[in-house]
PDB file of N, CA and C in Angstrom:
ATOM      1  N   SER A   1      -3.235  47.564 -88.521  1.00  0.00           N
ATOM      2  CA  SER A   1      -3.648  46.927 -87.554  1.00  0.00           C
ATOM      3  C   SER A   1      -3.113  44.795 -88.007  1.00  0.00           C
ATOM      4  N   VAL A   2      -2.816  43.707 -87.319  1.00  0.00           N
ATOM      5  CA  VAL A   2      -2.063  42.934 -87.244  1.00  0.00           C
ATOM      6  C   VAL A   2      -2.547  42.110 -87.846  1.00  0.00           C
ATOM      7  N   ASP A   3      -2.547  41.071 -89.339  1.00  0.00           N
ATOM      8  CA  ASP A   3      -3.031  40.130 -89.615  1.00  0.00           C
ATOM      9  C   ASP A   3      -3.542  38.922 -88.601  1.00  0.00           C
ATOM     10  N   PRO A   4      -4.627  38.865 -89.197  1.00  0.00           N
ATOM     11  CA  PRO A   4      -5.376  37.918 -88.065  1.00  0.00           C
ATOM     12  C   PRO A   4      -5.035  36.503 -88.243  1.00  0.00           C
ATOM     13  N   TYR A   5      -4.529  36.087 -89.598  1.00  0.00           N
ATOM     14  CA  TYR A   5      -4.064  34.521 -89.429  1.00  0.00           C
ATOM     15  C   TYR A   5      -2.511  34.689 -88.767  1.00  0.00           C
ATOM     16  N   TRP A   6      -2.229  35.370 -88.604  1.00  0.00           N
ATOM     17  CA  TRP A   6      -0.915  35.403 -87.786  1.00  0.00           C
ATOM     18  C   TRP A   6      -1.098  34.992 -86.008  1.00  0.00           C
ATOM     19  N   LYS A   7      -1.969  36.076 -85.999  1.00  0.00           N
ATOM     20  CA  LYS A   7      -2.389  35.691 -84.683  1.00  0.00           C
ATOM     21  C   LYS A   7      -2.793  34.537 -84.235  1.00  0.00           C
ATOM     22  N   MET A   8      -3.633  33.731 -85.126  1.00  0.00           N
ATOM     23  CA  MET A   8      -4.062  32.118 -85.304  1.00  0.00           C
ATOM     24  C   MET A   8      -2.757  31.445 -85.122  1.00  0.00           C
ATOM     25  N   LEU A   9      -2.355  31.397 -85.745  1.00  0.00           N
ATOM     26  CA  LEU A   9      -0.987  30.773 -86.517  1.00  0.00           C
ATOM     27  C   LEU A   9      -0.282  30.964 -84.514  1.00  0.00           C
ATOM     28  N   ALA A  10       0.304  31.913 -84.267  1.00  0.00           N
ATOM     29  CA  ALA A  10       1.396  32.119 -82.912  1.00  0.00           C
ATOM     30  C   ALA A  10      -0.353  31.407 -81.880  1.00  0.00           C
ATOM     31  N   ASN A  11      -1.092  31.672 -81.666  1.00  0.00           N
ATOM     32  CA  ASN A  11      -1.418  31.070 -80.432  1.00  0.00           C
ATOM     33  C   ASN A  11      -2.039  29.152 -80.612  1.00  0.00           C
ATOM     34  N   ALA A  12      -2.158  29.033 -81.838  1.00  0.00           N
ATOM     35  CA  ALA A  12      -2.205  27.694 -82.198  1.00  0.00           C
ATOM     36  C   ALA A  12      -0.795  26.729 -82.115  1.00  0.00           C
ATOM     37  N   TRP A  13       0.428  27.619 -82.112  1.00  0.00           N
ATOM     38  CA  TRP A  13       1.441  27.051 -81.661  1.00  0.00           C
ATOM     39  C   TRP A  13       1.951  27.107 -80.967  1.00  0.00           C
ATOM     40  N   VAL A  14       1.915  27.908 -79.730  1.00  0.00           N
ATOM     41  CA  VAL A  14       1.530  27.934 -78.166  1.00  0.00           C
ATOM     42  C   VAL A  14       1.093  26.876 -77.775  1.00  0.00           C
ATOM     43  N   GLU A  15      -0.219  26.990 -78.068  1.00  0.00           N
ATOM     44  CA  GLU A  15      -1.309  26.238 -77.413  1.00  0.00           C
ATOM     45  C   GLU A  15      -0.976  24.401 -77.593  1.00  0.00           C
ATOM     46  N   ASP A  16      -0.356  24.215 -78.868  1.00  0.00           N
ATOM     47  CA  ASP A  16      -0.038  23.261 -78.940  1.00  0.00           C
ATOM     48  C   ASP A  16       1.583  22.708 -77.981  1.00  0.00           C
ATOM     49  N   LEU A  17       2.155  23.678 -77.941  1.00  0.00           N
ATOM     50  CA  LEU A  17       3.283  23.101 -76.946  1.00  0.00           C
ATOM     51  C   LEU A  17       2.813  22.729 -75.662  1.00  0.00           C
ATOM     52  N   PRO A  18       4.189  21.728 -75.491  1.00  0.00           N
ATOM     53  CA  PRO A  18       3.804  20.445 -74.152  1.00  0.00           C
ATOM     54  C   PRO A  18       3.729  21.251 -72.938  1.00  0.00           C
ATOM     55  N   ALA A  19       3.025  20.717 -72.083  1.00  0.00           N
ATOM     56  CA  ALA A  19       3.162  21.446 -70.765  1.00  0.00           C
ATOM     57  C   ALA A  19       4.466  22.042 -70.312  1.00  0.00           C
ATOM     58  N   ASP A  20       4.906  22.738 -69.822  1.00  0.00           N
ATOM     59  CA  ASP A  20       6.362  23.276 -69.273  1.00  0.00           C
ATOM     60  C   ASP A  20       7.089  23.530 -70.238  1.00  0.00           C
ATOM     61  N   GLU A  21       6.879  23.476 -71.296  1.00  0.00           N
ATOM     62  CA  GLU A  21       7.749  23.954 -72.386  1.00  0.00           C
ATOM     63  C   GLU A  21       8.453  25.126 -72.440  1.00  0.00           C
ATOM     64  N   THR A  22       9.381  25.418 -72.534  1.00  0.00           N
ATOM     65  CA  THR A  22       9.816  27.200 -72.111  1.00  0.00           C
ATOM     66  C   THR A  22      10.000  27.380 -73.753  1.00  0.00           C
ATOM     67  N   PHE A  23       9.704  28.696 -74.128  1.00  0.00           N
ATOM     68  CA  PHE A  23      10.008  29.346 -75.215  1.00  0.00           C
ATOM     69  C   PHE A  23      10.284  31.166 -75.179  1.00  0.00           C
ATOM     70  N   THR A  24      10.342  31.225 -76.316  1.00  0.00           N
ATOM     71  CA  THR A  24      11.162  32.664 -76.436  1.00  0.00           C
ATOM     72  C   THR A  24       9.942  33.627 -77.675  1.00  0.00           C
ATOM     73  N   ALA A  25       9.927  35.014 -77.667  1.00  0.00           N
ATOM     74  CA  ALA A  25       9.325  35.187 -78.422  1.00  0.00           C
ATOM     75  C   ALA A  25      10.146  35.212 -79.853  1.00  0.00           C
ATOM     76  N   GLU A  26      11.691  35.151 -80.096  1.00  0.00           N
ATOM     77  CA  GLU A  26      12.266  34.286 -81.062  1.00  0.00           C
ATOM     78  C   GLU A  26      12.296  32.927 -81.277  1.00  0.00           C
ATOM     79  N   SER A  27      12.224  31.981 -80.660  1.00  0.00           N
ATOM     80  CA  SER A  27      11.642  30.869 -80.929  1.00  0.00           C
ATOM     81  C   SER A  27       9.944  30.626 -81.587  1.00  0.00           C
ATOM     82  N   MET A  28       9.023  31.300 -81.284  1.00  0.00           N
ATOM     83  CA  MET A  28       8.254  31.867 -81.545  1.00  0.00           C
ATOM     84  C   MET A  28       8.046  32.047 -83.200  1.00  0.00           C
ATOM     85  N   CYS A  29       8.725  33.051 -83.526  1.00  0.00           N
ATOM     86  CA  CYS A  29       8.968  33.859 -84.518  1.00  0.00           C
ATOM     87  C   CYS A  29       9.291  32.846 -85.584  1.00  0.00           C
ATOM     88  N   ALA A  30      10.259  32.204 -84.829  1.00  0.00           N
ATOM     89  CA  ALA A  30      10.950  30.607 -85.941  1.00  0.00           C
ATOM     90  C   ALA A  30      10.095  29.779 -86.703  1.00  0.00           C
ATOM     91  N   GLU A  31       9.093  29.723 -85.979  1.00  0.00           N
ATOM     92  CA  GLU A  31       8.211  28.369 -86.411  1.00  0.00           C
ATOM     93  C   GLU A  31       7.155  29.182 -87.107  1.00  0.00           C
ATOM     94  N   VAL A  32       6.504  30.218 -86.304  1.00  0.00           N
ATOM     95  CA  VAL A  32       5.152  30.461 -87.208  1.00  0.00           C
ATOM     96  C   VAL A  32       5.310  31.470 -88.265  1.00  0.00           C
ATOM     97  N   GLY A  33       6.778  32.888 -88.088  1.00  0.00           N
ATOM     98  CA  GLY A  33       7.186  33.948 -89.126  1.00  0.00           C
ATOM     99  C   GLY A  33       6.831  35.211 -88.067  1.00  0.00           C
ATOM    100  N   ARG A  34       7.293  35.737 -88.840  1.00  0.00           N
ATOM    101  CA  ARG A  34       7.231  37.571 -88.163  1.00  0.00           C
ATOM    102  C   ARG A  34       5.977  38.088 -88.854  1.00  0.00           C
ATOM    103  N   PRO A  35       5.101  38.769 -87.638  1.00  0.00           N
ATOM    104  CA  PRO A  35       3.906  39.375 -88.097  1.00  0.00           C
ATOM    105  C   PRO A  35       4.394  40.996 -88.823  1.00  0.00           C
ATOM    106  N   SER A  36       3.177  41.460 -89.528  1.00  0.00           N
ATOM    107  CA  SER A  36       3.564  42.514 -90.364  1.00  0.00           C
ATOM    108  C   SER A  36       4.209  43.772 -89.649  1.00  0.00           C
ATOM    109  N   HIS A  37       3.767  43.919 -88.364  1.00  0.00           N
ATOM    110  CA  HIS A  37       4.012  44.671 -87.211  1.00  0.00           C
ATOM    111  C   HIS A  37       5.110  44.539 -85.802  1.00  0.00           C
ATOM    112  N   PRO A  38       6.255  44.883 -85.994  1.00  0.00           N
ATOM    113  CA  PRO A  38       6.900  44.496 -84.737  1.00  0.00           C
ATOM    114  C   PRO A  38       6.040  44.246 -83.272  1.00  0.00           C
ATOM    115  N   ASN A  39       5.103  45.124 -83.296  1.00  0.00           N
ATOM    116  CA  ASN A  39       5.144  45.251 -81.989  1.00  0.00           C
ATOM    117  C   ASN A  39       3.951  44.171 -81.392  1.00  0.00           C
ATOM    118  N   ALA A  40       3.357  43.378 -82.682  1.00  0.00           N
ATOM    119  CA  ALA A  40       2.057  42.501 -82.813  1.00  0.00           C
ATOM    120  C   ALA A  40       2.914  41.528 -81.638  1.00  0.00           C
ATOM    121  N   VAL A  41       4.551  40.936 -81.798  1.00  0.00           N
ATOM    122  CA  VAL A  41       4.490  40.131 -81.043  1.00  0.00           C
ATOM    123  C   VAL A  41       4.203  40.139 -79.930  1.00  0.00           C
ATOM    124  N   GLY A  42       4.896  41.207 -79.149  1.00  0.00           N
ATOM    125  CA  GLY A  42       5.010  41.475 -77.735  1.00  0.00           C
ATOM    126  C   GLY A  42       3.422  41.235 -76.916  1.00  0.00           C
ATOM    127  N   ALA A  43       2.422  41.908 -78.135  1.00  0.00           N
ATOM    128  CA  ALA A  43       1.482  42.398 -77.819  1.00  0.00           C
ATOM    129  C   ALA A  43       0.547  40.562 -77.751  1.00  0.00           C
ATOM    130  N   ARG A  44       0.956  39.896 -78.508  1.00  0.00           N
ATOM    131  CA  ARG A  44       0.360  38.504 -78.475  1.00  0.00           C
ATOM    132  C   ARG A  44       0.750  37.773 -77.571  1.00  0.00           C
ATOM    133  N   LEU A  45       2.083  37.457 -76.750  1.00  0.00           N
ATOM    134  CA  LEU A  45       2.270  37.241 -75.634  1.00  0.00           C
ATOM    135  C   LEU A  45       2.197  37.612 -74.394  1.00  0.00           C
ATOM    136  N   SER A  46       1.264  38.799 -74.407  1.00  0.00           N
ATOM    137  CA  SER A  46       0.830  39.169 -73.456  1.00  0.00           C
ATOM    138  C   SER A  46      -0.491  38.991 -73.573  1.00  0.00           C
ATOM    139  N   ALA A  47      -0.866  39.064 -74.135  1.00  0.00           N
ATOM    140  CA  ALA A  47      -2.640  38.616 -74.405  1.00  0.00           C
ATOM    141  C   ALA A  47      -2.566  36.706 -73.981  1.00  0.00           C
ATOM    142  N   LEU A  48      -1.648  36.469 -74.774  1.00  0.00           N
ATOM    143  CA  LEU A  48      -1.039  34.908 -73.975  1.00  0.00           C
ATOM    144  C   LEU A  48      -1.495  34.543 -72.745  1.00  0.00           C
ATOM    145  N   ALA A  49      -0.572  35.809 -72.066  1.00  0.00           N
ATOM    146  CA  ALA A  49      -0.412  35.741 -70.624  1.00  0.00           C
ATOM    147  C   ALA A  49      -1.312  35.841 -69.977  1.00  0.00           C
ATOM    148  N   ARG A  50      -2.135  37.027 -70.073  1.00  0.00           N
ATOM    149  CA  ARG A  50      -3.213  37.224 -69.935  1.00  0.00           C
ATOM    150  C   ARG A  50      -4.622  36.897 -69.238  1.00  0.00           C
ATOM    151  N   ALA A  51      -4.861  35.368 -70.700  1.00  0.00           N
ATOM    152  CA  ALA A  51      -5.352  34.218 -70.680  1.00  0.00           C
ATOM    153  C   ALA A  51      -4.892  33.144 -70.094  1.00  0.00           C
ATOM    154  N   GLY A  52      -3.724  32.982 -69.277  1.00  0.00           N
ATOM    155  CA  GLY A  52      -3.032  32.278 -68.803  1.00  0.00           C
ATOM    156  C   GLY A  52      -2.552  31.154 -69.373  1.00  0.00           C
ATOM    157  N   LEU A  53      -2.508  30.872 -70.329  1.00  0.00           N
ATOM    158  CA  LEU A  53      -1.561  29.873 -71.219  1.00  0.00           C
ATOM    159  C   LEU A  53      -0.575  30.142 -70.909  1.00  0.00           C
ATOM    160  N   ILE A  54       0.302  31.064 -70.739  1.00  0.00           N
ATOM    161  CA  ILE A  54       1.981  30.934 -70.348  1.00  0.00           C
ATOM    162  C   ILE A  54       1.972  32.116 -69.297  1.00  0.00           C
ATOM    163  N   VAL A  55       3.546  32.037 -68.645  1.00  0.00           N
ATOM    164  CA  VAL A  55       3.540  32.583 -67.414  1.00  0.00           C
ATOM    165  C   VAL A  55       5.115  32.801 -67.604  1.00  0.00           C
ATOM    166  N   GLU A  56       5.471  33.902 -67.619  1.00  0.00           N
ATOM    167  CA  GLU A  56       6.659  34.349 -67.284  1.00  0.00           C
ATOM    168  C   GLU A  56       7.739  33.500 -66.349  1.00  0.00           C
ATOM    169  N   ASP A  57       9.117  33.019 -67.261  1.00  0.00           N
ATOM    170  CA  ASP A  57       9.984  31.906 -66.713  1.00  0.00           C
ATOM    171  C   ASP A  57      11.249  32.535 -66.881  1.00  0.00           C
ATOM    172  N   GLY A  58      11.290  33.429 -65.850  1.00  0.00           N
ATOM    173  CA  GLY A  58      12.770  34.359 -66.397  1.00  0.00           C
ATOM    174  C   GLY A  58      13.296  34.781 -67.854  1.00  0.00           C
ATOM    175  N   TYR A  59      14.687  35.219 -67.750  1.00  0.00           N
ATOM    176  CA  TYR A  59      15.458  36.089 -68.853  1.00  0.00           C
ATOM    177  C   TYR A  59      16.037  35.213 -69.553  1.00  0.00           C
ATOM    178  N   VAL A  60      16.484  35.471 -70.803  1.00  0.00           N
ATOM    179  CA  VAL A  60      17.616  34.476 -71.618  1.00  0.00           C
ATOM    180  C   VAL A  60      18.501  35.590 -72.529  1.00  0.00           C
ATOM    181  N   GLN A  61      19.795  35.354 -73.085  1.00  0.00           N
ATOM    182  CA  GLN A  61      19.639  36.352 -74.404  1.00  0.00           C
ATOM    183  C   GLN A  61      19.009  36.419 -75.310  1.00  0.00           C
ATOM    184  N   ALA A  62      19.214  37.192 -76.059  1.00  0.00           N
ATOM    185  CA  ALA A  62      18.409  37.136 -77.817  1.00  0.00           C
ATOM    186  C   ALA A  62      19.777  36.816 -77.995  1.00  0.00           C
ATOM    187  N   GLY A  63      19.039  36.173 -79.170  1.00  0.00           N
ATOM    188  CA  GLY A  63      20.233  35.384 -80.367  1.00  0.00           C
ATOM    189  C   GLY A  63      20.327  36.072 -81.724  1.00  0.00           C
ATOM    190  N   ARG A  64      19.034  36.801 -81.975  1.00  0.00           N
ATOM    191  CA  ARG A  64      19.405  37.969 -83.281  1.00  0.00           C
ATOM    192  C   ARG A  64      19.984  39.140 -83.050  1.00  0.00           C
ATOM    193  N   ARG A  65      20.367  38.804 -84.486  1.00  0.00           N
ATOM    194  CA  ARG A  65      21.770  40.161 -84.490  1.00  0.00           C
ATOM    195  C   ARG A  65      21.171  41.516 -84.035  1.00  0.00           C
ATOM    196  N   GLU A  66      20.043  41.517 -84.461  1.00  0.00           N
ATOM    197  CA  GLU A  66      19.239  42.915 -84.737  1.00  0.00           C
ATOM    198  C   GLU A  66      19.009  43.135 -82.917  1.00  0.00           C
ATOM    199  N   ARG A  67      18.959  42.476 -81.575  1.00  0.00           N
ATOM    200  CA  ARG A  67      18.759  42.567 -80.461  1.00  0.00           C
ATOM    201  C   ARG A  67      19.907  42.567 -79.960  1.00  0.00           C
ATOM    202  N   HIS A  68      21.122  42.605 -80.333  1.00  0.00           N
ATOM    203  CA  HIS A  68      22.600  43.074 -79.908  1.00  0.00           C
ATOM    204  C   HIS A  68      22.602  42.245 -78.623  1.00  0.00           C
ATOM    205  N   ALA A  69      22.247  40.862 -78.586  1.00  0.00           N
ATOM    206  CA  ALA A  69      22.496  39.975 -77.062  1.00  0.00           C
ATOM    207  C   ALA A  69      21.448  40.773 -75.719  1.00  0.00           C
ATOM    208  N   SER A  70      20.645  41.444 -76.165  1.00  0.00           N
ATOM    209  CA  SER A  70      20.052  42.097 -75.616  1.00  0.00           C
ATOM    210  C   SER A  70      19.281  40.932 -74.498  1.00  0.00           C
ATOM    211  N   ARG A  71      18.530  40.909 -73.231  1.00  0.00           N
ATOM    212  CA  ARG A  71      17.963  39.967 -72.382  1.00  0.00           C
ATOM    213  C   ARG A  71      16.681  40.588 -72.801  1.00  0.00           C
ATOM    214  N   MET A  72      15.559  38.874 -73.238  1.00  0.00           N
ATOM    215  CA  MET A  72      14.621  38.593 -73.282  1.00  0.00           C
ATOM    216  C   MET A  72      13.679  37.408 -72.714  1.00  0.00           C
ATOM    217  N   LEU A  73      12.631  37.725 -72.399  1.00  0.00           N
ATOM    218  CA  LEU A  73      11.989  37.192 -71.485  1.00  0.00           C
ATOM    219  C   LEU A  73      11.855  35.546 -72.408  1.00  0.00           C
ATOM    220  N   ARG A  74      11.734  34.546 -71.081  1.00  0.00           N
ATOM    221  CA  ARG A  74      11.369  33.467 -71.459  1.00  0.00           C
ATOM    222  C   ARG A  74      10.112  32.727 -70.769  1.00  0.00           C
ATOM    223  N   TRP A  75       9.043  32.358 -71.592  1.00  0.00           N
ATOM    224  CA  TRP A  75       7.817  32.037 -71.102  1.00  0.00           C
ATOM    225  C   TRP A  75       7.741  30.442 -71.349  1.00  0.00           C
ATOM    226  N   ARG A  76       6.887  30.155 -70.134  1.00  0.00           N
ATOM    227  CA  ARG A  76       6.430  29.020 -70.126  1.00  0.00           C
ATOM    228  C   ARG A  76       4.907  28.433 -70.240  1.00  0.00           C
ATOM    229  N   ARG A  77       4.430  27.370 -71.131  1.00  0.00           N
ATOM    230  CA  ARG A  77       3.527  26.742 -71.282  1.00  0.00           C
ATOM    231  C   ARG A  77       2.821  26.575 -70.050  1.00  0.00           C
TER     232      ARG A  77
END
């Protein structure tokens, strides 16, 4: 299971973003750290989207080397 403290940090970081600010999973993890389970990032972003706090805003190229420049969602607050 995912660390509840990480969930709290991720939620707080997103909620503190200015309206219309865009971000990616990479930028969120750069600020709050990576969770203990890699699927937690996507799960958290999906939960925030279902709650109406963020919306999909297109795709960008991933920057992390492990992602091999794949496309990743950009989110808007």
